[in-house]
Amino acid sequence: MLIGAVLFTSLNDDKDLPKSIINMFEISKCVYIAEMMVAANHKGQGIGSELLGHFFNTIDSSIFTDAFIRVWDQNHIALHLYQKMGFKVITQIDQVKNSPDGTFIMKKIYLHKKIK
């Protein structure tokens, strides 16, 4: 049974990447954690920490030097987890989202962590 996953790609694939990050890092050496998911009935059990720990223990540091993740500013639980795992807030963007009631702005926070 699958209870969690981390999906990652090159940071080059983030179509919303802010210019400030492009100017500060060698993007070709940066990994982007595009999704981090834990099944609802398994949240709060340390699975997210385990997934990220495994990710950092297995990522090839000869290829990637830095990791980025993006999170909605209202997702306090995820934001706390990422910061607990050593990520630091680096910048944020406004992202236009659609809903049945129209469009709205979602603030997304970019976090960064050096890969050792």
N, C-alpha and C. Protein backbone atom coordinates (compact mmCIF):
# COMPACT_ATOMS: atom_id res chain seq x y z
N MET A 1 0.84 -1.17 0.00
CA MET A 1 0.00 0.00 0.00
C MET A 1 0.89 1.25 0.00
N LEU A 2 0.63 2.15 -0.90
CA LEU A 2 1.37 3.41 -1.00
C LEU A 2 0.77 4.39 0.00
N ILE A 3 1.61 4.92 0.90
CA ILE A 3 1.10 5.89 1.88
C ILE A 3 1.75 7.26 1.73
N GLY A 4 2.79 7.37 0.91
CA GLY A 4 3.42 8.67 0.70
C GLY A 4 4.37 8.64 -0.47
N ALA A 5 4.69 9.83 -0.95
CA ALA A 5 5.60 9.93 -2.10
C ALA A 5 6.22 11.32 -2.15
N VAL A 6 7.42 11.37 -2.70
CA VAL A 6 8.11 12.61 -3.02
C VAL A 6 8.38 12.57 -4.51
N LEU A 7 7.91 13.55 -5.24
CA LEU A 7 8.15 13.65 -6.67
C LEU A 7 9.07 14.83 -6.92
N PHE A 8 10.16 14.60 -7.64
CA PHE A 8 11.09 15.69 -7.88
C PHE A 8 11.54 15.71 -9.33
N THR A 9 12.07 16.87 -9.71
CA THR A 9 12.54 17.10 -11.06
C THR A 9 13.61 18.19 -11.00
N SER A 10 14.16 18.53 -12.11
CA SER A 10 15.10 19.64 -12.17
C SER A 10 14.35 20.94 -11.89
N LEU A 11 15.01 21.87 -11.23
CA LEU A 11 14.39 23.17 -10.97
C LEU A 11 14.08 23.90 -12.27
N ASN A 12 14.78 23.54 -13.35
CA ASN A 12 14.48 24.12 -14.67
C ASN A 12 13.03 23.90 -15.08
N ASP A 13 12.39 22.86 -14.55
CA ASP A 13 11.02 22.52 -14.93
C ASP A 13 9.95 23.35 -14.21
N ASP A 14 10.34 24.17 -13.24
CA ASP A 14 9.38 25.01 -12.52
C ASP A 14 9.09 26.25 -13.36
N LYS A 15 7.93 26.26 -13.99
CA LYS A 15 7.58 27.35 -14.90
C LYS A 15 7.34 28.68 -14.18
N ASP A 16 7.14 28.65 -12.86
CA ASP A 16 6.88 29.87 -12.09
C ASP A 16 8.11 30.36 -11.32
N LEU A 17 9.26 29.78 -11.60
CA LEU A 17 10.47 30.09 -10.84
C LEU A 17 10.79 31.58 -10.87
N PRO A 18 10.91 32.19 -9.70
CA PRO A 18 11.22 33.63 -9.65
C PRO A 18 12.63 33.95 -10.13
N LYS A 19 12.78 35.10 -10.72
CA LYS A 19 14.08 35.55 -11.25
C LYS A 19 15.11 35.64 -10.14
N SER A 20 14.69 35.97 -8.92
CA SER A 20 15.65 36.10 -7.82
C SER A 20 16.38 34.78 -7.57
N ILE A 21 15.68 33.66 -7.70
CA ILE A 21 16.32 32.35 -7.52
C ILE A 21 17.22 32.04 -8.71
N ILE A 22 16.76 32.36 -9.91
CA ILE A 22 17.56 32.14 -11.12
C ILE A 22 18.89 32.88 -11.01
N ASN A 23 18.85 34.08 -10.45
CA ASN A 23 20.06 34.91 -10.34
C ASN A 23 20.98 34.47 -9.21
N MET A 24 20.48 33.74 -8.23
CA MET A 24 21.27 33.38 -7.05
C MET A 24 21.88 31.98 -7.10
N PHE A 25 21.34 31.09 -7.96
CA PHE A 25 21.76 29.69 -7.95
C PHE A 25 22.07 29.20 -9.36
N GLU A 26 22.91 28.17 -9.44
CA GLU A 26 23.14 27.50 -10.71
C GLU A 26 22.00 26.49 -10.89
N ILE A 27 20.97 26.90 -11.60
CA ILE A 27 19.70 26.18 -11.68
C ILE A 27 19.88 24.75 -12.18
N SER A 28 20.82 24.52 -13.06
CA SER A 28 21.03 23.17 -13.59
C SER A 28 21.48 22.19 -12.50
N LYS A 29 21.93 22.69 -11.36
CA LYS A 29 22.37 21.84 -10.25
C LYS A 29 21.36 21.83 -9.09
N CYS A 30 20.16 22.32 -9.37
CA CYS A 30 19.13 22.41 -8.33
C CYS A 30 18.00 21.43 -8.62
N VAL A 31 17.55 20.76 -7.58
CA VAL A 31 16.42 19.84 -7.68
C VAL A 31 15.18 20.54 -7.10
N TYR A 32 14.05 20.26 -7.71
CA TYR A 32 12.78 20.85 -7.29
C TYR A 32 11.86 19.73 -6.81
N ILE A 33 11.51 19.77 -5.54
CA ILE A 33 10.54 18.81 -5.01
C ILE A 33 9.17 19.35 -5.38
N ALA A 34 8.62 18.79 -6.45
CA ALA A 34 7.37 19.29 -7.02
C ALA A 34 6.15 18.88 -6.22
N GLU A 35 6.21 17.72 -5.60
CA GLU A 35 5.09 17.21 -4.79
C GLU A 35 5.62 16.40 -3.63
N MET A 36 4.97 16.56 -2.51
CA MET A 36 5.24 15.72 -1.34
C MET A 36 3.87 15.37 -0.79
N MET A 37 3.56 14.08 -0.76
CA MET A 37 2.22 13.64 -0.38
C MET A 37 2.27 12.54 0.66
N VAL A 38 1.34 12.61 1.61
CA VAL A 38 1.15 11.55 2.60
C VAL A 38 -0.36 11.30 2.67
N ALA A 39 -0.74 10.03 2.65
CA ALA A 39 -2.16 9.67 2.72
C ALA A 39 -2.77 10.29 3.98
N ALA A 40 -4.00 10.79 3.85
CA ALA A 40 -4.67 11.50 4.94
C ALA A 40 -4.69 10.70 6.25
N ASN A 41 -4.94 9.40 6.16
CA ASN A 41 -5.03 8.60 7.39
C ASN A 41 -3.67 8.24 7.98
N HIS A 42 -2.57 8.73 7.37
CA HIS A 42 -1.23 8.51 7.89
C HIS A 42 -0.52 9.81 8.27
N LYS A 43 -1.20 10.93 8.12
CA LYS A 43 -0.57 12.22 8.46
C LYS A 43 -0.36 12.30 9.97
N GLY A 44 0.68 13.03 10.34
CA GLY A 44 0.99 13.21 11.75
C GLY A 44 1.74 12.04 12.38
N GLN A 45 2.21 11.11 11.56
CA GLN A 45 2.91 9.92 12.07
C GLN A 45 4.41 9.93 11.73
N GLY A 46 4.91 11.05 11.22
CA GLY A 46 6.33 11.15 10.90
C GLY A 46 6.70 10.67 9.51
N ILE A 47 5.71 10.31 8.70
CA ILE A 47 5.98 9.81 7.35
C ILE A 47 6.65 10.88 6.48
N GLY A 48 6.17 12.12 6.56
CA GLY A 48 6.76 13.20 5.78
C GLY A 48 8.23 13.40 6.10
N SER A 49 8.56 13.39 7.39
CA SER A 49 9.96 13.52 7.81
C SER A 49 10.79 12.36 7.27
N GLU A 50 10.26 11.16 7.34
CA GLU A 50 10.96 9.98 6.82
C GLU A 50 11.18 10.09 5.31
N LEU A 51 10.15 10.51 4.59
CA LEU A 51 10.28 10.66 3.14
C LEU A 51 11.37 11.66 2.78
N LEU A 52 11.34 12.83 3.42
CA LEU A 52 12.35 13.84 3.12
C LEU A 52 13.74 13.39 3.56
N GLY A 53 13.82 12.72 4.70
CA GLY A 53 15.10 12.20 5.15
C GLY A 53 15.68 11.21 4.16
N HIS A 54 14.84 10.31 3.67
CA HIS A 54 15.29 9.33 2.67
C HIS A 54 15.70 10.04 1.37
N PHE A 55 14.91 11.02 0.97
CA PHE A 55 15.24 11.79 -0.23
C PHE A 55 16.65 12.38 -0.11
N PHE A 56 16.95 13.04 1.00
CA PHE A 56 18.26 13.68 1.16
C PHE A 56 19.39 12.67 1.36
N ASN A 57 19.07 11.50 1.85
CA ASN A 57 20.10 10.46 2.01
C ASN A 57 20.44 9.77 0.69
N THR A 58 19.54 9.86 -0.29
CA THR A 58 19.76 9.14 -1.55
C THR A 58 20.00 10.05 -2.75
N ILE A 59 19.72 11.35 -2.64
CA ILE A 59 19.92 12.24 -3.78
C ILE A 59 21.42 12.34 -4.08
N ASP A 60 21.77 12.34 -5.34
CA ASP A 60 23.17 12.37 -5.76
C ASP A 60 23.72 13.79 -5.65
N SER A 61 24.54 14.03 -4.63
CA SER A 61 25.08 15.37 -4.39
C SER A 61 26.16 15.75 -5.41
N SER A 62 26.57 14.82 -6.25
CA SER A 62 27.50 15.19 -7.32
C SER A 62 26.74 15.78 -8.51
N ILE A 63 25.43 15.58 -8.53
CA ILE A 63 24.58 16.15 -9.59
C ILE A 63 23.86 17.38 -9.08
N PHE A 64 23.27 17.28 -7.89
CA PHE A 64 22.47 18.37 -7.33
C PHE A 64 23.14 18.95 -6.09
N THR A 65 23.22 20.27 -6.03
CA THR A 65 23.83 20.96 -4.89
C THR A 65 22.80 21.62 -3.98
N ASP A 66 21.61 21.88 -4.51
CA ASP A 66 20.59 22.60 -3.77
C ASP A 66 19.21 22.01 -4.06
N ALA A 67 18.34 22.09 -3.05
CA ALA A 67 16.96 21.60 -3.21
C ALA A 67 15.99 22.73 -2.90
N PHE A 68 14.90 22.74 -3.65
CA PHE A 68 13.84 23.73 -3.45
C PHE A 68 12.50 23.02 -3.34
N ILE A 69 11.62 23.63 -2.57
CA ILE A 69 10.24 23.17 -2.47
C ILE A 69 9.37 24.41 -2.37
N ARG A 70 8.15 24.31 -2.85
CA ARG A 70 7.22 25.44 -2.84
C ARG A 70 5.96 25.01 -2.09
N VAL A 71 5.44 25.88 -1.24
CA VAL A 71 4.28 25.53 -0.42
C VAL A 71 3.35 26.74 -0.29
N TRP A 72 2.06 26.45 -0.22
CA TRP A 72 1.05 27.48 0.01
C TRP A 72 1.28 28.09 1.39
N ASP A 73 1.24 29.41 1.49
CA ASP A 73 1.54 30.06 2.77
C ASP A 73 0.56 29.70 3.89
N GLN A 74 -0.62 29.17 3.54
CA GLN A 74 -1.60 28.77 4.55
C GLN A 74 -1.44 27.31 5.00
N ASN A 75 -0.53 26.59 4.38
CA ASN A 75 -0.29 25.19 4.75
C ASN A 75 0.77 25.17 5.86
N HIS A 76 0.36 25.58 7.05
CA HIS A 76 1.28 25.75 8.17
C HIS A 76 1.94 24.45 8.60
N ILE A 77 1.23 23.33 8.50
CA ILE A 77 1.80 22.04 8.89
C ILE A 77 2.96 21.68 7.97
N ALA A 78 2.77 21.80 6.65
CA ALA A 78 3.84 21.49 5.70
C ALA A 78 4.99 22.47 5.86
N LEU A 79 4.69 23.74 6.00
CA LEU A 79 5.73 24.76 6.16
C LEU A 79 6.58 24.45 7.40
N HIS A 80 5.95 24.08 8.49
CA HIS A 80 6.67 23.73 9.71
C HIS A 80 7.56 22.50 9.48
N LEU A 81 7.02 21.49 8.80
CA LEU A 81 7.80 20.28 8.50
C LEU A 81 9.04 20.62 7.69
N TYR A 82 8.87 21.40 6.62
CA TYR A 82 10.00 21.73 5.76
C TYR A 82 11.06 22.51 6.54
N GLN A 83 10.63 23.44 7.37
CA GLN A 83 11.60 24.20 8.15
C GLN A 83 12.28 23.30 9.19
N LYS A 84 11.55 22.39 9.79
CA LYS A 84 12.13 21.43 10.73
C LYS A 84 13.19 20.57 10.05
N MET A 85 12.98 20.29 8.76
CA MET A 85 13.92 19.47 8.00
C MET A 85 15.09 20.28 7.42
N GLY A 86 15.18 21.57 7.77
CA GLY A 86 16.32 22.38 7.38
C GLY A 86 16.12 23.33 6.22
N PHE A 87 14.92 23.38 5.66
CA PHE A 87 14.64 24.32 4.58
C PHE A 87 14.49 25.73 5.16
N LYS A 88 14.94 26.71 4.40
CA LYS A 88 14.82 28.12 4.78
C LYS A 88 14.00 28.86 3.72
N VAL A 89 13.12 29.73 4.17
CA VAL A 89 12.32 30.55 3.25
C VAL A 89 13.27 31.44 2.47
N ILE A 90 13.04 31.47 1.14
CA ILE A 90 13.93 32.27 0.29
C ILE A 90 13.17 33.37 -0.45
N THR A 91 11.94 33.10 -0.87
CA THR A 91 11.12 34.11 -1.55
C THR A 91 9.69 33.59 -1.64
N GLN A 92 8.81 34.38 -2.22
CA GLN A 92 7.44 33.92 -2.44
C GLN A 92 6.90 34.51 -3.74
N ILE A 93 5.85 33.88 -4.24
CA ILE A 93 5.18 34.35 -5.46
C ILE A 93 3.68 34.37 -5.22
N ASP A 94 2.99 35.10 -6.07
CA ASP A 94 1.53 35.05 -6.12
C ASP A 94 1.17 34.20 -7.31
N GLN A 95 0.33 33.21 -7.09
CA GLN A 95 -0.07 32.30 -8.16
C GLN A 95 -1.58 32.41 -8.36
N VAL A 96 -2.01 32.64 -9.59
CA VAL A 96 -3.44 32.73 -9.91
C VAL A 96 -4.01 31.33 -10.00
N LYS A 97 -5.09 31.09 -9.27
CA LYS A 97 -5.76 29.79 -9.25
C LYS A 97 -7.22 29.98 -9.65
N ASN A 98 -7.80 28.93 -10.19
CA ASN A 98 -9.21 28.94 -10.57
C ASN A 98 -10.03 28.13 -9.58
N SER A 99 -11.24 28.60 -9.35
CA SER A 99 -12.19 27.86 -8.51
C SER A 99 -13.56 28.01 -9.15
N PRO A 100 -14.54 27.27 -8.69
CA PRO A 100 -15.89 27.41 -9.24
C PRO A 100 -16.44 28.83 -9.09
N ASP A 101 -15.92 29.59 -8.12
CA ASP A 101 -16.38 30.95 -7.88
C ASP A 101 -15.57 32.00 -8.64
N GLY A 102 -14.61 31.58 -9.43
CA GLY A 102 -13.75 32.50 -10.16
C GLY A 102 -12.29 32.27 -9.85
N THR A 103 -11.48 33.27 -10.09
CA THR A 103 -10.05 33.15 -9.82
C THR A 103 -9.70 33.78 -8.48
N PHE A 104 -8.59 33.33 -7.92
CA PHE A 104 -8.10 33.91 -6.68
C PHE A 104 -6.57 33.81 -6.68
N ILE A 105 -5.95 34.56 -5.78
CA ILE A 105 -4.49 34.58 -5.67
C ILE A 105 -4.09 33.70 -4.49
N MET A 106 -3.15 32.79 -4.77
CA MET A 106 -2.60 31.92 -3.73
C MET A 106 -1.13 32.30 -3.56
N LYS A 107 -0.73 32.65 -2.35
CA LYS A 107 0.66 32.96 -2.08
C LYS A 107 1.42 31.66 -1.87
N LYS A 108 2.52 31.50 -2.61
CA LYS A 108 3.37 30.32 -2.51
C LYS A 108 4.75 30.74 -2.01
N ILE A 109 5.24 30.00 -1.05
CA ILE A 109 6.55 30.26 -0.46
C ILE A 109 7.56 29.27 -1.03
N TYR A 110 8.70 29.79 -1.49
CA TYR A 110 9.80 28.95 -1.92
C TYR A 110 10.75 28.76 -0.75
N LEU A 111 11.13 27.52 -0.52
CA LEU A 111 12.10 27.19 0.52
C LEU A 111 13.30 26.52 -0.12
N HIS A 112 14.45 26.70 0.48
CA HIS A 112 15.72 26.19 -0.06
C HIS A 112 16.47 25.41 1.01
N LYS A 113 17.18 24.38 0.57
CA LYS A 113 18.07 23.64 1.46
C LYS A 113 19.29 23.20 0.65
N LYS A 114 20.45 23.39 1.21
CA LYS A 114 21.70 22.94 0.59
C LYS A 114 21.78 21.42 0.71
N ILE A 115 22.19 20.77 -0.36
CA ILE A 115 22.40 19.32 -0.36
C ILE A 115 23.85 19.07 0.01
N LYS A 116 24.06 18.23 1.00
CA LYS A 116 25.43 17.97 1.49
C LYS A 116 26.06 16.80 0.78
